Amino acid sequence: MIDQGYLGPLEDLLEKEGTFGHRQHVDLAWRYLHLTDQLKAEAWMREAIRHVAFRHGAADKYHETRTIAWIKLVAIHVHRSDAASFDEFIANNSDLLNTQLLDHFYSDEVIQGAIARQNWVEPDVAPLPYSGTLRSV
């Protein structure tokens, strides 16, 4: 059974923002990382993006490696931040709004491949920094 804990923050964000672009993805990751540990946040993010994609008839748009890499990058910044709000957090970490950030870690060949779409693939250009926040509840 899928943990439905991801739905409340997702629905709140969708209602508030009315859209689900890159900034909203980062916001949702920030919210999840403040509600639970990184491993569960990754699982919630996976389900949230699949949920939204399915609702919009684009279930095939989900990309596992992009999803997990992004939440790992957000986690690194969350771990180092004491921001009380997402707006404060993103003002101090605006590099997370750069949609090309994964290019520092992945080659086009790897990130655009079918394997990376379906499964987590480690970066092939440079390793992702470790956030130190992994734990399971």
N, C-alpha and C. Protein backbone atom coordinates (compact mmCIF):
# COMPACT_ATOMS: atom_id res chain seq x y z
N MET A 1 0.85 -1.19 0.00
CA MET A 1 0.00 0.00 0.00
C MET A 1 0.89 1.25 0.00
N ILE A 2 0.51 2.22 -0.79
CA ILE A 2 1.27 3.47 -0.92
C ILE A 2 0.93 4.40 0.24
N ASP A 3 1.97 4.97 0.83
CA ASP A 3 1.81 5.97 1.90
C ASP A 3 1.19 7.22 1.28
N GLN A 4 0.03 7.60 1.75
CA GLN A 4 -0.70 8.75 1.19
C GLN A 4 -0.30 10.08 1.82
N GLY A 5 0.75 10.09 2.65
CA GLY A 5 1.19 11.31 3.32
C GLY A 5 1.60 12.42 2.37
N TYR A 6 1.93 12.07 1.16
CA TYR A 6 2.36 13.06 0.18
C TYR A 6 1.22 13.94 -0.32
N LEU A 7 -0.02 13.48 -0.21
CA LEU A 7 -1.14 14.18 -0.83
C LEU A 7 -1.46 15.54 -0.21
N GLY A 8 -1.42 15.66 1.11
CA GLY A 8 -1.76 16.93 1.76
C GLY A 8 -0.88 18.08 1.29
N PRO A 9 0.44 17.96 1.41
CA PRO A 9 1.31 19.04 0.94
C PRO A 9 1.18 19.29 -0.56
N LEU A 10 0.99 18.24 -1.33
CA LEU A 10 0.84 18.39 -2.78
C LEU A 10 -0.43 19.17 -3.11
N GLU A 11 -1.55 18.77 -2.53
CA GLU A 11 -2.82 19.46 -2.81
C GLU A 11 -2.77 20.91 -2.33
N ASP A 12 -2.15 21.15 -1.18
CA ASP A 12 -1.99 22.51 -0.67
C ASP A 12 -1.19 23.37 -1.66
N LEU A 13 -0.10 22.83 -2.15
CA LEU A 13 0.74 23.56 -3.09
C LEU A 13 0.00 23.83 -4.40
N LEU A 14 -0.68 22.82 -4.93
CA LEU A 14 -1.41 22.99 -6.19
C LEU A 14 -2.52 24.03 -6.05
N GLU A 15 -3.19 24.03 -4.90
CA GLU A 15 -4.25 25.01 -4.66
C GLU A 15 -3.67 26.42 -4.57
N LYS A 16 -2.55 26.55 -3.87
CA LYS A 16 -1.91 27.85 -3.67
C LYS A 16 -1.31 28.39 -4.97
N GLU A 17 -0.62 27.53 -5.71
CA GLU A 17 0.13 27.96 -6.89
C GLU A 17 -0.65 27.86 -8.19
N GLY A 18 -1.53 26.88 -8.30
CA GLY A 18 -2.30 26.70 -9.52
C GLY A 18 -1.50 26.13 -10.68
N THR A 19 -0.25 25.84 -10.45
CA THR A 19 0.61 25.27 -11.50
C THR A 19 1.63 24.36 -10.82
N PHE A 20 2.32 23.55 -11.62
CA PHE A 20 3.30 22.62 -11.05
C PHE A 20 4.55 22.59 -11.93
N GLY A 21 5.18 23.76 -12.01
CA GLY A 21 6.42 23.88 -12.76
C GLY A 21 7.62 23.57 -11.88
N HIS A 22 8.78 23.94 -12.36
CA HIS A 22 10.02 23.61 -11.64
C HIS A 22 10.06 24.21 -10.23
N ARG A 23 9.71 25.47 -10.10
CA ARG A 23 9.72 26.11 -8.77
C ARG A 23 8.82 25.35 -7.80
N GLN A 24 7.66 24.93 -8.26
CA GLN A 24 6.74 24.20 -7.40
C GLN A 24 7.29 22.81 -7.04
N HIS A 25 8.01 22.18 -7.97
CA HIS A 25 8.65 20.91 -7.65
C HIS A 25 9.66 21.10 -6.51
N VAL A 26 10.46 22.15 -6.60
CA VAL A 26 11.46 22.43 -5.56
C VAL A 26 10.75 22.76 -4.24
N ASP A 27 9.68 23.54 -4.30
CA ASP A 27 8.90 23.88 -3.11
C ASP A 27 8.36 22.60 -2.46
N LEU A 28 7.81 21.71 -3.25
CA LEU A 28 7.26 20.47 -2.71
C LEU A 28 8.35 19.63 -2.06
N ALA A 29 9.51 19.55 -2.69
CA ALA A 29 10.63 18.82 -2.10
C ALA A 29 11.00 19.44 -0.75
N TRP A 30 11.05 20.77 -0.71
CA TRP A 30 11.36 21.47 0.54
C TRP A 30 10.33 21.11 1.63
N ARG A 31 9.06 21.12 1.25
CA ARG A 31 8.00 20.78 2.21
C ARG A 31 8.16 19.36 2.74
N TYR A 32 8.35 18.42 1.82
CA TYR A 32 8.49 17.03 2.24
C TYR A 32 9.70 16.83 3.15
N LEU A 33 10.79 17.49 2.81
CA LEU A 33 12.01 17.34 3.63
C LEU A 33 11.86 17.94 5.02
N HIS A 34 10.88 18.83 5.19
CA HIS A 34 10.60 19.38 6.52
C HIS A 34 9.58 18.54 7.28
N LEU A 35 8.92 17.64 6.58
CA LEU A 35 7.91 16.80 7.23
C LEU A 35 8.43 15.41 7.61
N THR A 36 9.45 14.94 6.89
CA THR A 36 9.91 13.58 7.09
C THR A 36 11.38 13.46 6.71
N ASP A 37 11.92 12.27 6.85
CA ASP A 37 13.32 12.05 6.49
C ASP A 37 13.48 12.00 4.96
N GLN A 38 14.70 12.04 4.52
CA GLN A 38 14.97 12.13 3.08
C GLN A 38 14.47 10.92 2.30
N LEU A 39 14.62 9.73 2.85
CA LEU A 39 14.17 8.54 2.12
C LEU A 39 12.66 8.55 1.89
N LYS A 40 11.90 8.92 2.91
CA LYS A 40 10.45 8.99 2.74
C LYS A 40 10.09 10.17 1.83
N ALA A 41 10.81 11.29 1.95
CA ALA A 41 10.57 12.44 1.08
C ALA A 41 10.77 12.05 -0.38
N GLU A 42 11.78 11.26 -0.64
CA GLU A 42 12.02 10.78 -2.02
C GLU A 42 10.82 9.95 -2.49
N ALA A 43 10.34 9.06 -1.65
CA ALA A 43 9.18 8.23 -2.01
C ALA A 43 7.94 9.08 -2.23
N TRP A 44 7.72 10.06 -1.35
CA TRP A 44 6.57 10.95 -1.52
C TRP A 44 6.68 11.77 -2.80
N MET A 45 7.88 12.25 -3.10
CA MET A 45 8.07 13.06 -4.31
C MET A 45 7.77 12.22 -5.55
N ARG A 46 8.25 11.00 -5.54
CA ARG A 46 7.99 10.07 -6.64
C ARG A 46 6.48 9.92 -6.85
N GLU A 47 5.75 9.66 -5.77
CA GLU A 47 4.31 9.46 -5.87
C GLU A 47 3.59 10.75 -6.26
N ALA A 48 4.03 11.88 -5.74
CA ALA A 48 3.39 13.16 -6.06
C ALA A 48 3.51 13.48 -7.55
N ILE A 49 4.70 13.32 -8.09
CA ILE A 49 4.89 13.64 -9.51
C ILE A 49 4.11 12.67 -10.38
N ARG A 50 4.11 11.41 -10.02
CA ARG A 50 3.31 10.43 -10.78
C ARG A 50 1.83 10.78 -10.70
N HIS A 51 1.38 11.19 -9.53
CA HIS A 51 -0.02 11.56 -9.31
C HIS A 51 -0.42 12.72 -10.22
N VAL A 52 0.39 13.78 -10.22
CA VAL A 52 0.09 14.95 -11.05
C VAL A 52 0.15 14.60 -12.53
N ALA A 53 1.15 13.84 -12.92
CA ALA A 53 1.29 13.44 -14.33
C ALA A 53 0.09 12.62 -14.77
N PHE A 54 -0.35 11.70 -13.94
CA PHE A 54 -1.50 10.87 -14.26
C PHE A 54 -2.77 11.72 -14.39
N ARG A 55 -2.96 12.66 -13.46
CA ARG A 55 -4.14 13.55 -13.50
C ARG A 55 -4.19 14.38 -14.77
N HIS A 56 -3.02 14.65 -15.36
CA HIS A 56 -2.97 15.46 -16.57
C HIS A 56 -2.74 14.63 -17.82
N GLY A 57 -2.97 13.34 -17.72
CA GLY A 57 -2.87 12.46 -18.89
C GLY A 57 -1.46 12.32 -19.42
N ALA A 58 -0.48 12.48 -18.55
CA ALA A 58 0.92 12.41 -19.00
C ALA A 58 1.73 11.47 -18.12
N ALA A 59 1.16 10.32 -17.80
CA ALA A 59 1.82 9.37 -16.91
C ALA A 59 3.20 8.96 -17.43
N ASP A 60 3.38 9.00 -18.73
CA ASP A 60 4.66 8.59 -19.32
C ASP A 60 5.75 9.65 -19.16
N LYS A 61 5.43 10.81 -18.60
CA LYS A 61 6.40 11.90 -18.43
C LYS A 61 7.30 11.71 -17.21
N TYR A 62 6.93 10.82 -16.30
CA TYR A 62 7.70 10.64 -15.08
C TYR A 62 9.12 10.16 -15.39
N HIS A 63 10.11 10.74 -14.68
CA HIS A 63 11.53 10.42 -14.87
C HIS A 63 12.16 10.17 -13.50
N GLU A 64 12.47 8.92 -13.21
CA GLU A 64 12.97 8.53 -11.88
C GLU A 64 14.26 9.24 -11.50
N THR A 65 15.26 9.23 -12.37
CA THR A 65 16.55 9.81 -12.01
C THR A 65 16.45 11.31 -11.79
N ARG A 66 15.74 12.02 -12.65
CA ARG A 66 15.56 13.47 -12.45
C ARG A 66 14.87 13.75 -11.12
N THR A 67 13.83 13.01 -10.83
CA THR A 67 13.06 13.22 -9.60
C THR A 67 13.94 13.04 -8.37
N ILE A 68 14.65 11.94 -8.32
CA ILE A 68 15.45 11.63 -7.13
C ILE A 68 16.68 12.53 -7.05
N ALA A 69 17.30 12.83 -8.17
CA ALA A 69 18.46 13.73 -8.16
C ALA A 69 18.06 15.11 -7.64
N TRP A 70 16.92 15.61 -8.08
CA TRP A 70 16.48 16.93 -7.63
C TRP A 70 16.20 16.96 -6.14
N ILE A 71 15.52 15.94 -5.62
CA ILE A 71 15.23 15.98 -4.19
C ILE A 71 16.52 15.84 -3.39
N LYS A 72 17.49 15.09 -3.91
CA LYS A 72 18.79 15.00 -3.25
C LYS A 72 19.48 16.37 -3.22
N LEU A 73 19.40 17.11 -4.32
CA LEU A 73 20.00 18.45 -4.36
C LEU A 73 19.29 19.40 -3.40
N VAL A 74 17.98 19.34 -3.36
CA VAL A 74 17.24 20.19 -2.42
C VAL A 74 17.61 19.81 -0.99
N ALA A 75 17.73 18.52 -0.71
CA ALA A 75 18.07 18.06 0.64
C ALA A 75 19.42 18.61 1.10
N ILE A 76 20.37 18.69 0.20
CA ILE A 76 21.68 19.24 0.54
C ILE A 76 21.52 20.67 1.07
N HIS A 77 20.73 21.46 0.37
CA HIS A 77 20.52 22.85 0.75
C HIS A 77 19.66 22.98 2.01
N VAL A 78 18.65 22.12 2.14
CA VAL A 78 17.80 22.14 3.34
C VAL A 78 18.65 21.84 4.57
N HIS A 79 19.53 20.88 4.45
CA HIS A 79 20.38 20.47 5.56
C HIS A 79 21.27 21.63 6.04
N ARG A 80 21.65 22.51 5.12
CA ARG A 80 22.53 23.63 5.44
C ARG A 80 21.79 24.92 5.74
N SER A 81 20.47 24.89 5.69
CA SER A 81 19.67 26.11 5.81
C SER A 81 18.85 26.14 7.09
N ASP A 82 18.62 27.34 7.59
CA ASP A 82 17.70 27.50 8.72
C ASP A 82 16.52 28.38 8.32
N ALA A 83 16.25 28.44 7.02
CA ALA A 83 15.15 29.26 6.51
C ALA A 83 13.82 28.79 7.09
N ALA A 84 13.01 29.75 7.47
CA ALA A 84 11.72 29.46 8.08
C ALA A 84 10.61 29.28 7.05
N SER A 85 10.85 29.70 5.81
CA SER A 85 9.84 29.58 4.76
C SER A 85 10.51 29.20 3.46
N PHE A 86 9.70 28.71 2.53
CA PHE A 86 10.27 28.36 1.23
C PHE A 86 10.78 29.61 0.52
N ASP A 87 10.07 30.70 0.62
CA ASP A 87 10.52 31.93 -0.04
C ASP A 87 11.89 32.36 0.47
N GLU A 88 12.10 32.28 1.77
CA GLU A 88 13.40 32.61 2.34
C GLU A 88 14.45 31.60 1.89
N PHE A 89 14.08 30.33 1.90
CA PHE A 89 15.00 29.27 1.47
C PHE A 89 15.45 29.48 0.02
N ILE A 90 14.50 29.74 -0.87
CA ILE A 90 14.85 29.85 -2.29
C ILE A 90 15.59 31.15 -2.57
N ALA A 91 15.33 32.18 -1.80
CA ALA A 91 16.08 33.43 -1.96
C ALA A 91 17.56 33.21 -1.66
N ASN A 92 17.83 32.31 -0.72
CA ASN A 92 19.21 31.99 -0.36
C ASN A 92 19.82 30.86 -1.17
N ASN A 93 19.00 30.18 -1.95
CA ASN A 93 19.45 29.03 -2.73
C ASN A 93 18.87 29.08 -4.14
N SER A 94 18.96 30.23 -4.76
CA SER A 94 18.32 30.43 -6.06
C SER A 94 18.90 29.54 -7.16
N ASP A 95 20.08 28.97 -6.94
CA ASP A 95 20.64 28.05 -7.93
C ASP A 95 19.73 26.84 -8.15
N LEU A 96 18.90 26.53 -7.17
CA LEU A 96 17.97 25.41 -7.32
C LEU A 96 16.86 25.70 -8.35
N LEU A 97 16.71 26.95 -8.74
CA LEU A 97 15.73 27.29 -9.78
C LEU A 97 16.30 27.12 -11.19
N ASN A 98 17.58 26.84 -11.29
CA ASN A 98 18.23 26.61 -12.58
C ASN A 98 17.90 25.19 -13.04
N THR A 99 17.04 25.09 -14.03
CA THR A 99 16.61 23.77 -14.51
C THR A 99 17.74 22.98 -15.16
N GLN A 100 18.84 23.62 -15.45
CA GLN A 100 19.99 22.95 -16.07
C GLN A 100 21.00 22.44 -15.04
N LEU A 101 20.69 22.55 -13.77
CA LEU A 101 21.64 22.18 -12.71
C LEU A 101 22.12 20.73 -12.82
N LEU A 102 21.26 19.84 -13.25
CA LEU A 102 21.66 18.43 -13.36
C LEU A 102 22.73 18.21 -14.42
N ASP A 103 22.91 19.18 -15.33
CA ASP A 103 23.96 19.06 -16.35
C ASP A 103 25.36 19.00 -15.73
N HIS A 104 25.50 19.49 -14.51
CA HIS A 104 26.79 19.43 -13.82
C HIS A 104 27.12 18.01 -13.36
N PHE A 105 26.11 17.14 -13.32
CA PHE A 105 26.26 15.81 -12.77
C PHE A 105 26.03 14.68 -13.78
N TYR A 106 25.22 14.96 -14.80
CA TYR A 106 24.84 13.93 -15.77
C TYR A 106 25.15 14.37 -17.19
N SER A 107 25.61 13.43 -17.99
CA SER A 107 25.75 13.68 -19.43
C SER A 107 24.35 13.56 -20.05
N ASP A 108 24.16 14.19 -21.20
CA ASP A 108 22.88 14.08 -21.90
C ASP A 108 22.56 12.63 -22.22
N GLU A 109 23.57 11.89 -22.61
CA GLU A 109 23.37 10.49 -22.98
C GLU A 109 22.76 9.69 -21.83
N VAL A 110 23.27 9.89 -20.63
CA VAL A 110 22.77 9.13 -19.47
C VAL A 110 21.41 9.65 -19.02
N ILE A 111 21.26 10.94 -18.81
CA ILE A 111 20.02 11.47 -18.24
C ILE A 111 18.84 11.32 -19.21
N GLN A 112 19.11 11.30 -20.49
CA GLN A 112 18.03 11.15 -21.47
C GLN A 112 17.75 9.70 -21.85
N GLY A 113 18.52 8.79 -21.28
CA GLY A 113 18.35 7.38 -21.61
C GLY A 113 17.13 6.75 -20.95
N ALA A 114 16.68 5.67 -21.54
CA ALA A 114 15.51 4.95 -21.04
C ALA A 114 15.75 4.37 -19.65
N ILE A 115 16.96 3.94 -19.38
CA ILE A 115 17.25 3.36 -18.06
C ILE A 115 17.07 4.41 -16.98
N ALA A 116 17.58 5.64 -17.19
CA ALA A 116 17.46 6.71 -16.20
C ALA A 116 16.02 7.14 -16.02
N ARG A 117 15.22 7.02 -17.03
CA ARG A 117 13.80 7.39 -16.92
C ARG A 117 13.08 6.42 -15.97
N GLN A 118 13.42 5.15 -16.04
CA GLN A 118 12.71 4.13 -15.27
C GLN A 118 13.33 3.81 -13.92
N ASN A 119 14.65 4.04 -13.77
CA ASN A 119 15.38 3.63 -12.57
C ASN A 119 16.34 4.74 -12.14
N TRP A 120 16.70 4.70 -10.85
CA TRP A 120 17.72 5.62 -10.36
C TRP A 120 19.05 5.26 -10.99
N VAL A 121 19.73 6.27 -11.55
CA VAL A 121 21.06 6.10 -12.13
C VAL A 121 21.98 7.11 -11.47
N GLU A 122 23.12 6.63 -11.01
CA GLU A 122 24.13 7.51 -10.41
C GLU A 122 24.67 8.47 -11.47
N PRO A 123 25.06 9.66 -11.07
CA PRO A 123 25.64 10.63 -12.01
C PRO A 123 26.90 10.07 -12.67
N ASP A 124 27.12 10.45 -13.93
CA ASP A 124 28.30 9.98 -14.65
C ASP A 124 29.32 11.09 -14.91
N VAL A 125 28.99 12.34 -14.61
CA VAL A 125 29.91 13.46 -14.83
C VAL A 125 30.61 13.83 -13.51
N ALA A 126 29.82 14.01 -12.46
CA ALA A 126 30.34 14.33 -11.13
C ALA A 126 29.36 13.79 -10.10
N PRO A 127 29.84 13.34 -8.95
CA PRO A 127 28.93 12.82 -7.94
C PRO A 127 28.09 13.93 -7.32
N LEU A 128 26.88 13.58 -6.94
CA LEU A 128 26.06 14.52 -6.18
C LEU A 128 26.67 14.67 -4.80
N PRO A 129 26.68 15.87 -4.26
CA PRO A 129 27.17 16.03 -2.88
C PRO A 129 26.26 15.25 -1.94
N TYR A 130 26.79 14.79 -0.85
CA TYR A 130 26.03 14.04 0.15
C TYR A 130 25.45 15.02 1.16
N SER A 131 24.18 14.89 1.43
CA SER A 131 23.50 15.81 2.33
C SER A 131 23.67 15.44 3.80
N GLY A 132 23.95 14.20 4.08
CA GLY A 132 24.06 13.76 5.47
C GLY A 132 22.72 13.61 6.16
N THR A 133 21.61 13.65 5.41
CA THR A 133 20.29 13.63 6.04
C THR A 133 19.55 12.32 5.85
N LEU A 134 20.12 11.34 5.18
CA LEU A 134 19.42 10.09 4.97
C LEU A 134 19.16 9.38 6.30
N ARG A 135 17.93 8.97 6.48
CA ARG A 135 17.56 8.15 7.61
C ARG A 135 16.17 7.61 7.32
N SER A 136 15.83 6.59 7.94
CA SER A 136 14.53 5.98 7.73
C SER A 136 13.73 6.04 9.02
N VAL A 137 12.43 6.29 8.88
CA VAL A 137 11.57 6.33 10.07
C VAL A 137 10.78 5.07 10.16
